[in-house]
Structures are given as C-alpha cells and as structure tokens.
Amino acid sequence: MKKDIHPVYNRVAFQDMTTGKRYLTRSTAKSSKTEEIDGVEHFIISVGLTADSHPFYTGQNQFVDTEGRIDKFQKRFGSVRRAKKPTRSA
C-alpha cells in the first residue's frame, strides 16, 4: 500500500441548526469551530437538515401549494384587461 495517500479522519459533531441535536461521528471534514465532548476534541459542523428535523422522518407535513400557476395568475390579474390597440386607418 502507498503511504500518505489516505485522508485524515477527524472526530466530528454534526449539529442540526434547527433542533440543536448533535451526531458524533468521524469524518474527513474539518471546521474552525471545535468543542470538547466527553473529554475528546470534536470539530463542530452545522447542518441545516438532519433526520431529527426532516419532515419525512418527523412526520410533520409541509404546506404544498395545490393551486396551479395559471389559476394563481388569473386570480391576481384576471380582472385586468389589456388596452386595445388602435387600428390603423388607411
């Protein structure tokens, strides 16, 4: 095996920004923010979406827009009519 070709594994805590839950693991990712957890130094990486906050795993439904784009447009601008173009007289 070749030496020094493998990436360095670091202890990392992925932290959900919404709920604050942390997932302790190892990764090649690094961060400038570190914290000591259980006596071991971990890089803290903030993540926007994890299994703790994802709607599929939490069972929370998101609002889904069922009204079509054309219907929305007609609702907003349906009463507005274009001005008729003046006809040319020959």
PDB file of N, CA and C in Angstrom:
ATOM      1  N   MET A   1       0.824  -1.178   0.000  1.00  0.00           N
ATOM      2  CA  MET A   1       0.000   0.000   0.000  1.00  0.00           C
ATOM      3  C   MET A   1       0.876   1.252   0.000  1.00  0.00           C
ATOM      4  N   LYS A   2       0.414   2.280  -0.702  1.00  0.00           N
ATOM      5  CA  LYS A   2       1.152   3.529  -0.726  1.00  0.00           C
ATOM      6  C   LYS A   2       0.943   4.268   0.592  1.00  0.00           C
ATOM      7  N   LYS A   3       1.969   4.950   1.043  1.00  0.00           N
ATOM      8  CA  LYS A   3       1.886   5.706   2.286  1.00  0.00           C
ATOM      9  C   LYS A   3       1.397   7.120   2.005  1.00  0.00           C
ATOM     10  N   ASP A   4       0.749   7.702   2.992  1.00  0.00           N
ATOM     11  CA  ASP A   4       0.308   9.104   2.984  1.00  0.00           C
ATOM     12  C   ASP A   4      -0.650   9.455   1.850  1.00  0.00           C
ATOM     13  N   ILE A   5      -1.482   8.532   1.410  1.00  0.00           N
ATOM     14  CA  ILE A   5      -2.475   8.863   0.388  1.00  0.00           C
ATOM     15  C   ILE A   5      -3.889   8.891   0.971  1.00  0.00           C
ATOM     16  N   HIS A   6      -4.053   8.380   2.179  1.00  0.00           N
ATOM     17  CA  HIS A   6      -5.374   8.329   2.777  1.00  0.00           C
ATOM     18  C   HIS A   6      -5.660   9.619   3.530  1.00  0.00           C
ATOM     19  N   PRO A   7      -6.899  10.108   3.458  1.00  0.00           N
ATOM     20  CA  PRO A   7      -7.237  11.338   4.177  1.00  0.00           C
ATOM     21  C   PRO A   7      -7.253  11.103   5.690  1.00  0.00           C
ATOM     22  N   VAL A   8      -7.089  12.157   6.419  1.00  0.00           N
ATOM     23  CA  VAL A   8      -7.074  12.083   7.883  1.00  0.00           C
ATOM     24  C   VAL A   8      -8.511  12.090   8.385  1.00  0.00           C
ATOM     25  N   TYR A   9      -8.836  11.102   9.201  1.00  0.00           N
ATOM     26  CA  TYR A   9     -10.155  11.032   9.820  1.00  0.00           C
ATOM     27  C   TYR A   9     -10.139  11.857  11.088  1.00  0.00           C
ATOM     28  N   ASN A  10     -11.143  12.712  11.256  1.00  0.00           N
ATOM     29  CA  ASN A  10     -11.257  13.560  12.435  1.00  0.00           C
ATOM     30  C   ASN A  10     -12.531  13.215  13.191  1.00  0.00           C
ATOM     31  N   ARG A  11     -12.518  13.466  14.462  1.00  0.00           N
ATOM     32  CA  ARG A  11     -13.754  13.332  15.245  1.00  0.00           C
ATOM     33  C   ARG A  11     -14.581  14.586  14.998  1.00  0.00           C
ATOM     34  N   VAL A  12     -15.843  14.366  14.595  1.00  0.00           N
ATOM     35  CA  VAL A  12     -16.703  15.465  14.181  1.00  0.00           C
ATOM     36  C   VAL A  12     -18.063  15.321  14.847  1.00  0.00           C
ATOM     37  N   ALA A  13     -18.657  16.467  15.182  1.00  0.00           N
ATOM     38  CA  ALA A  13     -20.034  16.504  15.674  1.00  0.00           C
ATOM     39  C   ALA A  13     -20.847  17.321  14.676  1.00  0.00           C
ATOM     40  N   PHE A  14     -21.749  16.656  13.966  1.00  0.00           N
ATOM     41  CA  PHE A  14     -22.653  17.361  13.066  1.00  0.00           C
ATOM     42  C   PHE A  14     -23.828  17.846  13.905  1.00  0.00           C
ATOM     43  N   GLN A  15     -24.067  19.155  13.911  1.00  0.00           N
ATOM     44  CA  GLN A  15     -25.110  19.735  14.756  1.00  0.00           C
ATOM     45  C   GLN A  15     -26.224  20.292  13.886  1.00  0.00           C
ATOM     46  N   ASP A  16     -27.455  19.853  14.173  1.00  0.00           N
ATOM     47  CA  ASP A  16     -28.629  20.341  13.472  1.00  0.00           C
ATOM     48  C   ASP A  16     -28.888  21.773  13.914  1.00  0.00           C
ATOM     49  N   MET A  17     -28.969  22.706  12.968  1.00  0.00           N
ATOM     50  CA  MET A  17     -29.161  24.116  13.312  1.00  0.00           C
ATOM     51  C   MET A  17     -30.565  24.384  13.847  1.00  0.00           C
ATOM     52  N   THR A  18     -31.539  23.581  13.458  1.00  0.00           N
ATOM     53  CA  THR A  18     -32.913  23.806  13.899  1.00  0.00           C
ATOM     54  C   THR A  18     -33.161  23.259  15.295  1.00  0.00           C
ATOM     55  N   THR A  19     -32.791  22.025  15.538  1.00  0.00           N
ATOM     56  CA  THR A  19     -33.106  21.383  16.812  1.00  0.00           C
ATOM     57  C   THR A  19     -31.946  21.386  17.796  1.00  0.00           C
ATOM     58  N   GLY A  20     -30.726  21.530  17.310  1.00  0.00           N
ATOM     59  CA  GLY A  20     -29.566  21.531  18.186  1.00  0.00           C
ATOM     60  C   GLY A  20     -29.003  20.153  18.487  1.00  0.00           C
ATOM     61  N   LYS A  21     -29.632  19.102  17.968  1.00  0.00           N
ATOM     62  CA  LYS A  21     -29.148  17.750  18.224  1.00  0.00           C
ATOM     63  C   LYS A  21     -27.819  17.528  17.519  1.00  0.00           C
ATOM     64  N   ARG A  22     -26.935  16.786  18.178  1.00  0.00           N
ATOM     65  CA  ARG A  22     -25.616  16.509  17.628  1.00  0.00           C
ATOM     66  C   ARG A  22     -25.464  15.035  17.300  1.00  0.00           C
ATOM     67  N   TYR A  23     -24.779  14.783  16.194  1.00  0.00           N
ATOM     68  CA  TYR A  23     -24.452  13.429  15.783  1.00  0.00           C
ATOM     69  C   TYR A  23     -22.937  13.308  15.827  1.00  0.00           C
ATOM     70  N   LEU A  24     -22.432  12.496  16.747  1.00  0.00           N
ATOM     71  CA  LEU A  24     -20.996  12.303  16.895  1.00  0.00           C
ATOM     72  C   LEU A  24     -20.544  11.197  15.955  1.00  0.00           C
ATOM     73  N   THR A  25     -19.539  11.516  15.148  1.00  0.00           N
ATOM     74  CA  THR A  25     -19.034  10.560  14.175  1.00  0.00           C
ATOM     75  C   THR A  25     -17.607  10.926  13.816  1.00  0.00           C
ATOM     76  N   ARG A  26     -17.088  10.262  12.814  1.00  0.00           N
ATOM     77  CA  ARG A  26     -15.762  10.597  12.296  1.00  0.00           C
ATOM     78  C   ARG A  26     -15.915  10.951  10.827  1.00  0.00           C
ATOM     79  N   SER A  27     -15.125  11.906  10.389  1.00  0.00           N
ATOM     80  CA  SER A  27     -15.236  12.378   9.023  1.00  0.00           C
ATOM     81  C   SER A  27     -13.922  13.019   8.597  1.00  0.00           C
ATOM     82  N   THR A  28     -13.772  13.209   7.296  1.00  0.00           N
ATOM     83  CA  THR A  28     -12.609  13.933   6.797  1.00  0.00           C
ATOM     84  C   THR A  28     -12.847  15.439   6.813  1.00  0.00           C
ATOM     85  N   ALA A  29     -14.077  15.855   7.101  1.00  0.00           N
ATOM     86  CA  ALA A  29     -14.411  17.276   7.143  1.00  0.00           C
ATOM     87  C   ALA A  29     -13.799  17.927   8.379  1.00  0.00           C
ATOM     88  N   LYS A  30     -13.479  19.211   8.232  1.00  0.00           N
ATOM     89  CA  LYS A  30     -12.936  19.992   9.337  1.00  0.00           C
ATOM     90  C   LYS A  30     -13.739  21.269   9.477  1.00  0.00           C
ATOM     91  N   SER A  31     -13.581  21.904  10.619  1.00  0.00           N
ATOM     92  CA  SER A  31     -14.251  23.167  10.876  1.00  0.00           C
ATOM     93  C   SER A  31     -13.345  24.023  11.749  1.00  0.00           C
ATOM     94  N   SER A  32     -13.553  25.321  11.697  1.00  0.00           N
ATOM     95  CA  SER A  32     -12.761  26.201  12.554  1.00  0.00           C
ATOM     96  C   SER A  32     -13.286  26.178  13.990  1.00  0.00           C
ATOM     97  N   LYS A  33     -14.516  25.724  14.155  1.00  0.00           N
ATOM     98  CA  LYS A  33     -15.133  25.658  15.484  1.00  0.00           C
ATOM     99  C   LYS A  33     -14.904  24.271  16.082  1.00  0.00           C
ATOM    100  N   THR A  34     -14.337  24.223  17.273  1.00  0.00           N
ATOM    101  CA  THR A  34     -14.117  22.955  17.956  1.00  0.00           C
ATOM    102  C   THR A  34     -14.712  23.013  19.354  1.00  0.00           C
ATOM    103  N   GLU A  35     -14.998  21.836  19.889  1.00  0.00           N
ATOM    104  CA  GLU A  35     -15.555  21.746  21.234  1.00  0.00           C
ATOM    105  C   GLU A  35     -15.155  20.403  21.835  1.00  0.00           C
ATOM    106  N   GLU A  36     -14.933  20.411  23.126  1.00  0.00           N
ATOM    107  CA  GLU A  36     -14.581  19.175  23.814  1.00  0.00           C
ATOM    108  C   GLU A  36     -15.863  18.496  24.284  1.00  0.00           C
ATOM    109  N   ILE A  37     -16.072  17.270  23.819  1.00  0.00           N
ATOM    110  CA  ILE A  37     -17.251  16.497  24.180  1.00  0.00           C
ATOM    111  C   ILE A  37     -16.769  15.180  24.769  1.00  0.00           C
ATOM    112  N   ASP A  38     -17.155  14.905  25.992  1.00  0.00           N
ATOM    113  CA  ASP A  38     -16.747  13.693  26.709  1.00  0.00           C
ATOM    114  C   ASP A  38     -15.229  13.543  26.759  1.00  0.00           C
ATOM    115  N   GLY A  39     -14.545  14.658  26.923  1.00  0.00           N
ATOM    116  CA  GLY A  39     -13.099  14.636  27.049  1.00  0.00           C
ATOM    117  C   GLY A  39     -12.340  14.504  25.746  1.00  0.00           C
ATOM    118  N   VAL A  40     -13.051  14.548  24.614  1.00  0.00           N
ATOM    119  CA  VAL A  40     -12.413  14.410  23.301  1.00  0.00           C
ATOM    120  C   VAL A  40     -12.741  15.656  22.475  1.00  0.00           C
ATOM    121  N   GLU A  41     -11.741  16.192  21.789  1.00  0.00           N
ATOM    122  CA  GLU A  41     -11.926  17.381  20.945  1.00  0.00           C
ATOM    123  C   GLU A  41     -12.619  16.988  19.640  1.00  0.00           C
ATOM    124  N   HIS A  42     -13.736  17.665  19.327  1.00  0.00           N
ATOM    125  CA  HIS A  42     -14.504  17.401  18.107  1.00  0.00           C
ATOM    126  C   HIS A  42     -14.615  18.690  17.290  1.00  0.00           C
ATOM    127  N   PHE A  43     -14.566  18.562  15.977  1.00  0.00           N
ATOM    128  CA  PHE A  43     -14.912  19.673  15.106  1.00  0.00           C
ATOM    129  C   PHE A  43     -16.430  19.767  15.076  1.00  0.00           C
ATOM    130  N   ILE A  44     -16.983  20.985  15.166  1.00  0.00           N
ATOM    131  CA  ILE A  44     -18.433  21.195  15.134  1.00  0.00           C
ATOM    132  C   ILE A  44     -18.805  21.696  13.742  1.00  0.00           C
ATOM    133  N   ILE A  45     -19.655  20.939  13.054  1.00  0.00           N
ATOM    134  CA  ILE A  45     -20.126  21.316  11.726  1.00  0.00           C
ATOM    135  C   ILE A  45     -21.636  21.475  11.787  1.00  0.00           C
ATOM    136  N   SER A  46     -22.112  22.692  11.479  1.00  0.00           N
ATOM    137  CA  SER A  46     -23.546  22.971  11.496  1.00  0.00           C
ATOM    138  C   SER A  46     -24.182  22.496  10.203  1.00  0.00           C
ATOM    139  N   VAL A  47     -25.304  21.804  10.345  1.00  0.00           N
ATOM    140  CA  VAL A  47     -26.020  21.238   9.210  1.00  0.00           C
ATOM    141  C   VAL A  47     -27.453  21.750   9.259  1.00  0.00           C
ATOM    142  N   GLY A  48     -27.993  22.125   8.112  1.00  0.00           N
ATOM    143  CA  GLY A  48     -29.336  22.683   8.065  1.00  0.00           C
ATOM    144  C   GLY A  48     -30.441  21.663   8.210  1.00  0.00           C
ATOM    145  N   LEU A  49     -30.213  20.438   7.780  1.00  0.00           N
ATOM    146  CA  LEU A  49     -31.274  19.441   7.774  1.00  0.00           C
ATOM    147  C   LEU A  49     -30.690  18.075   8.125  1.00  0.00           C
ATOM    148  N   THR A  50     -31.263  17.438   9.136  1.00  0.00           N
ATOM    149  CA  THR A  50     -30.856  16.095   9.526  1.00  0.00           C
ATOM    150  C   THR A  50     -32.107  15.251   9.713  1.00  0.00           C
ATOM    151  N   ALA A  51     -31.923  14.014  10.102  1.00  0.00           N
ATOM    152  CA  ALA A  51     -33.064  13.130  10.355  1.00  0.00           C
ATOM    153  C   ALA A  51     -33.890  13.632  11.534  1.00  0.00           C
ATOM    154  N   ASP A  52     -33.297  14.441  12.391  1.00  0.00           N
ATOM    155  CA  ASP A  52     -34.014  14.977  13.547  1.00  0.00           C
ATOM    156  C   ASP A  52     -34.998  16.074  13.158  1.00  0.00           C
ATOM    157  N   SER A  53     -34.758  16.764  12.034  1.00  0.00           N
ATOM    158  CA  SER A  53     -35.635  17.866  11.654  1.00  0.00           C
ATOM    159  C   SER A  53     -36.278  17.700  10.279  1.00  0.00           C
ATOM    160  N   HIS A  54     -35.941  16.649   9.540  1.00  0.00           N
ATOM    161  CA  HIS A  54     -36.503  16.453   8.207  1.00  0.00           C
ATOM    162  C   HIS A  54     -37.969  16.042   8.315  1.00  0.00           C
ATOM    163  N   PRO A  55     -38.865  16.676   7.537  1.00  0.00           N
ATOM    164  CA  PRO A  55     -40.296  16.360   7.621  1.00  0.00           C
ATOM    165  C   PRO A  55     -40.629  14.899   7.349  1.00  0.00           C
ATOM    166  N   PHE A  56     -39.866  14.231   6.514  1.00  0.00           N
ATOM    167  CA  PHE A  56     -40.145  12.822   6.220  1.00  0.00           C
ATOM    168  C   PHE A  56     -39.975  11.976   7.479  1.00  0.00           C
ATOM    169  N   TYR A  57     -38.957  12.243   8.261  1.00  0.00           N
ATOM    170  CA  TYR A  57     -38.678  11.442   9.447  1.00  0.00           C
ATOM    171  C   TYR A  57     -39.472  11.901  10.671  1.00  0.00           C
ATOM    172  N   THR A  58     -39.830  13.180  10.717  1.00  0.00           N
ATOM    173  CA  THR A  58     -40.557  13.689  11.883  1.00  0.00           C
ATOM    174  C   THR A  58     -42.063  13.514  11.750  1.00  0.00           C
ATOM    175  N   GLY A  59     -42.548  13.313  10.524  1.00  0.00           N
ATOM    176  CA  GLY A  59     -43.980  13.143  10.311  1.00  0.00           C
ATOM    177  C   GLY A  59     -44.720  14.455  10.160  1.00  0.00           C
ATOM    178  N   GLN A  60     -44.017  15.570  10.200  1.00  0.00           N
ATOM    179  CA  GLN A  60     -44.657  16.865  10.018  1.00  0.00           C
ATOM    180  C   GLN A  60     -44.845  17.114   8.537  1.00  0.00           C
ATOM    181  N   ASN A  61     -46.046  17.532   8.168  1.00  0.00           N
ATOM    182  CA  ASN A  61     -46.319  17.825   6.775  1.00  0.00           C
ATOM    183  C   ASN A  61     -45.992  19.275   6.468  1.00  0.00           C
ATOM    184  N   GLN A  62     -45.495  19.495   5.276  1.00  0.00           N
ATOM    185  CA  GLN A  62     -45.263  20.853   4.825  1.00  0.00           C
ATOM    186  C   GLN A  62     -46.432  21.281   3.967  1.00  0.00           C
ATOM    187  N   PHE A  63     -46.644  22.592   3.908  1.00  0.00           N
ATOM    188  CA  PHE A  63     -47.700  23.129   3.071  1.00  0.00           C
ATOM    189  C   PHE A  63     -47.337  22.914   1.616  1.00  0.00           C
ATOM    190  N   VAL A  64     -48.214  22.249   0.898  1.00  0.00           N
ATOM    191  CA  VAL A  64     -47.993  22.017  -0.522  1.00  0.00           C
ATOM    192  C   VAL A  64     -49.019  22.829  -1.282  1.00  0.00           C
ATOM    193  N   ASP A  65     -48.547  23.645  -2.200  1.00  0.00           N
ATOM    194  CA  ASP A  65     -49.426  24.505  -2.981  1.00  0.00           C
ATOM    195  C   ASP A  65     -50.090  23.668  -4.067  1.00  0.00           C
ATOM    196  N   THR A  66     -51.396  23.480  -3.944  1.00  0.00           N
ATOM    197  CA  THR A  66     -52.107  22.662  -4.925  1.00  0.00           C
ATOM    198  C   THR A  66     -52.725  23.501  -6.026  1.00  0.00           C
ATOM    199  N   GLU A  67     -52.792  24.803  -5.815  1.00  0.00           N
ATOM    200  CA  GLU A  67     -53.365  25.672  -6.831  1.00  0.00           C
ATOM    201  C   GLU A  67     -52.328  25.872  -7.934  1.00  0.00           C
ATOM    202  N   GLY A  68     -52.767  25.754  -9.159  1.00  0.00           N
ATOM    203  CA  GLY A  68     -51.838  25.853 -10.284  1.00  0.00           C
ATOM    204  C   GLY A  68     -51.342  27.267 -10.515  1.00  0.00           C
ATOM    205  N   ARG A  69     -50.261  27.377 -11.269  1.00  0.00           N
ATOM    206  CA  ARG A  69     -49.680  28.686 -11.546  1.00  0.00           C
ATOM    207  C   ARG A  69     -50.617  29.540 -12.386  1.00  0.00           C
ATOM    208  N   ILE A  70     -51.298  28.956 -13.352  1.00  0.00           N
ATOM    209  CA  ILE A  70     -52.209  29.717 -14.210  1.00  0.00           C
ATOM    210  C   ILE A  70     -53.392  30.220 -13.392  1.00  0.00           C
ATOM    211  N   ASP A  71     -53.918  29.357 -12.495  1.00  0.00           N
ATOM    212  CA  ASP A  71     -55.029  29.774 -11.641  1.00  0.00           C
ATOM    213  C   ASP A  71     -54.626  30.930 -10.734  1.00  0.00           C
ATOM    214  N   LYS A  72     -53.418  30.865 -10.197  1.00  0.00           N
ATOM    215  CA  LYS A  72     -52.931  31.957  -9.361  1.00  0.00           C
ATOM    216  C   LYS A  72     -52.831  33.253 -10.157  1.00  0.00           C
ATOM    217  N   PHE A  73     -52.305  33.139 -11.373  1.00  0.00           N
ATOM    218  CA  PHE A  73     -52.167  34.316 -12.221  1.00  0.00           C
ATOM    219  C   PHE A  73     -53.533  34.916 -12.529  1.00  0.00           C
ATOM    220  N   GLN A  74     -54.497  34.067 -12.886  1.00  0.00           N
ATOM    221  CA  GLN A  74     -55.843  34.549 -13.195  1.00  0.00           C
ATOM    222  C   GLN A  74     -56.490  35.197 -11.974  1.00  0.00           C
ATOM    223  N   LYS A  75     -56.225  34.639 -10.823  1.00  0.00           N
ATOM    224  CA  LYS A  75     -56.791  35.180  -9.594  1.00  0.00           C
ATOM    225  C   LYS A  75     -56.236  36.580  -9.313  1.00  0.00           C
ATOM    226  N   ARG A  76     -54.934  36.744  -9.556  1.00  0.00           N
ATOM    227  CA  ARG A  76     -54.309  38.029  -9.276  1.00  0.00           C
ATOM    228  C   ARG A  76     -54.581  39.064 -10.364  1.00  0.00           C
ATOM    229  N   PHE A  77     -54.517  38.652 -11.622  1.00  0.00           N
ATOM    230  CA  PHE A  77     -54.581  39.604 -12.721  1.00  0.00           C
ATOM    231  C   PHE A  77     -55.748  39.344 -13.673  1.00  0.00           C
ATOM    232  N   GLY A  78     -56.692  38.526 -13.297  1.00  0.00           N
ATOM    233  CA  GLY A  78     -57.783  38.167 -14.197  1.00  0.00           C
ATOM    234  C   GLY A  78     -58.682  39.329 -14.539  1.00  0.00           C
ATOM    235  N   SER A  79     -58.857  40.265 -13.612  1.00  0.00           N
ATOM    236  CA  SER A  79     -59.761  41.386 -13.869  1.00  0.00           C
ATOM    237  C   SER A  79     -59.096  42.477 -14.697  1.00  0.00           C
ATOM    238  N   VAL A  80     -57.790  42.446 -14.815  1.00  0.00           N
ATOM    239  CA  VAL A  80     -57.078  43.452 -15.596  1.00  0.00           C
ATOM    240  C   VAL A  80     -57.145  43.063 -17.067  1.00  0.00           C
ATOM    241  N   ARG A  81     -57.589  43.983 -17.875  1.00  0.00           N
ATOM    242  CA  ARG A  81     -57.685  43.732 -19.317  1.00  0.00           C
ATOM    243  C   ARG A  81     -56.666  44.607 -20.034  1.00  0.00           C
ATOM    244  N   ARG A  82     -56.165  44.088 -21.127  1.00  0.00           N
ATOM    245  CA  ARG A  82     -55.247  44.872 -21.948  1.00  0.00           C
ATOM    246  C   ARG A  82     -56.010  45.960 -22.681  1.00  0.00           C
ATOM    247  N   ALA A  83     -55.346  47.072 -22.862  1.00  0.00           N
ATOM    248  CA  ALA A  83     -55.940  48.143 -23.665  1.00  0.00           C
ATOM    249  C   ALA A  83     -55.884  47.713 -25.127  1.00  0.00           C
ATOM    250  N   LYS A  84     -56.947  47.971 -25.834  1.00  0.00           N
ATOM    251  CA  LYS A  84     -56.989  47.577 -27.253  1.00  0.00           C
ATOM    252  C   LYS A  84     -56.065  48.484 -28.056  1.00  0.00           C
ATOM    253  N   LYS A  85     -55.392  47.868 -29.005  1.00  0.00           N
ATOM    254  CA  LYS A  85     -54.503  48.618 -29.880  1.00  0.00           C
ATOM    255  C   LYS A  85     -55.356  49.447 -30.842  1.00  0.00           C
ATOM    256  N   PRO A  86     -54.931  50.666 -31.058  1.00  0.00           N
ATOM    257  CA  PRO A  86     -55.682  51.454 -32.056  1.00  0.00           C
ATOM    258  C   PRO A  86     -55.447  50.878 -33.454  1.00  0.00           C
ATOM    259  N   THR A  87     -56.496  50.818 -34.243  1.00  0.00           N
ATOM    260  CA  THR A  87     -56.373  50.275 -35.593  1.00  0.00           C
ATOM    261  C   THR A  87     -55.888  51.359 -36.531  1.00  0.00           C
ATOM    262  N   ARG A  88     -55.125  50.951 -37.509  1.00  0.00           N
ATOM    263  CA  ARG A  88     -54.613  51.917 -38.485  1.00  0.00           C
ATOM    264  C   ARG A  88     -55.687  52.247 -39.507  1.00  0.00           C
ATOM    265  N   SER A  89     -55.788  53.484 -39.837  1.00  0.00           N
ATOM    266  CA  SER A  89     -56.710  53.886 -40.893  1.00  0.00           C
ATOM    267  C   SER A  89     -55.908  54.077 -42.167  1.00  0.00           C
ATOM    268  N   ALA A  90     -56.373  53.503 -43.231  1.00  0.00           N
ATOM    269  CA  ALA A  90     -55.649  53.633 -44.486  1.00  0.00           C
ATOM    270  C   ALA A  90     -56.181  54.731 -45.339  1.00  0.00           C
TER     271      ALA A  90
END
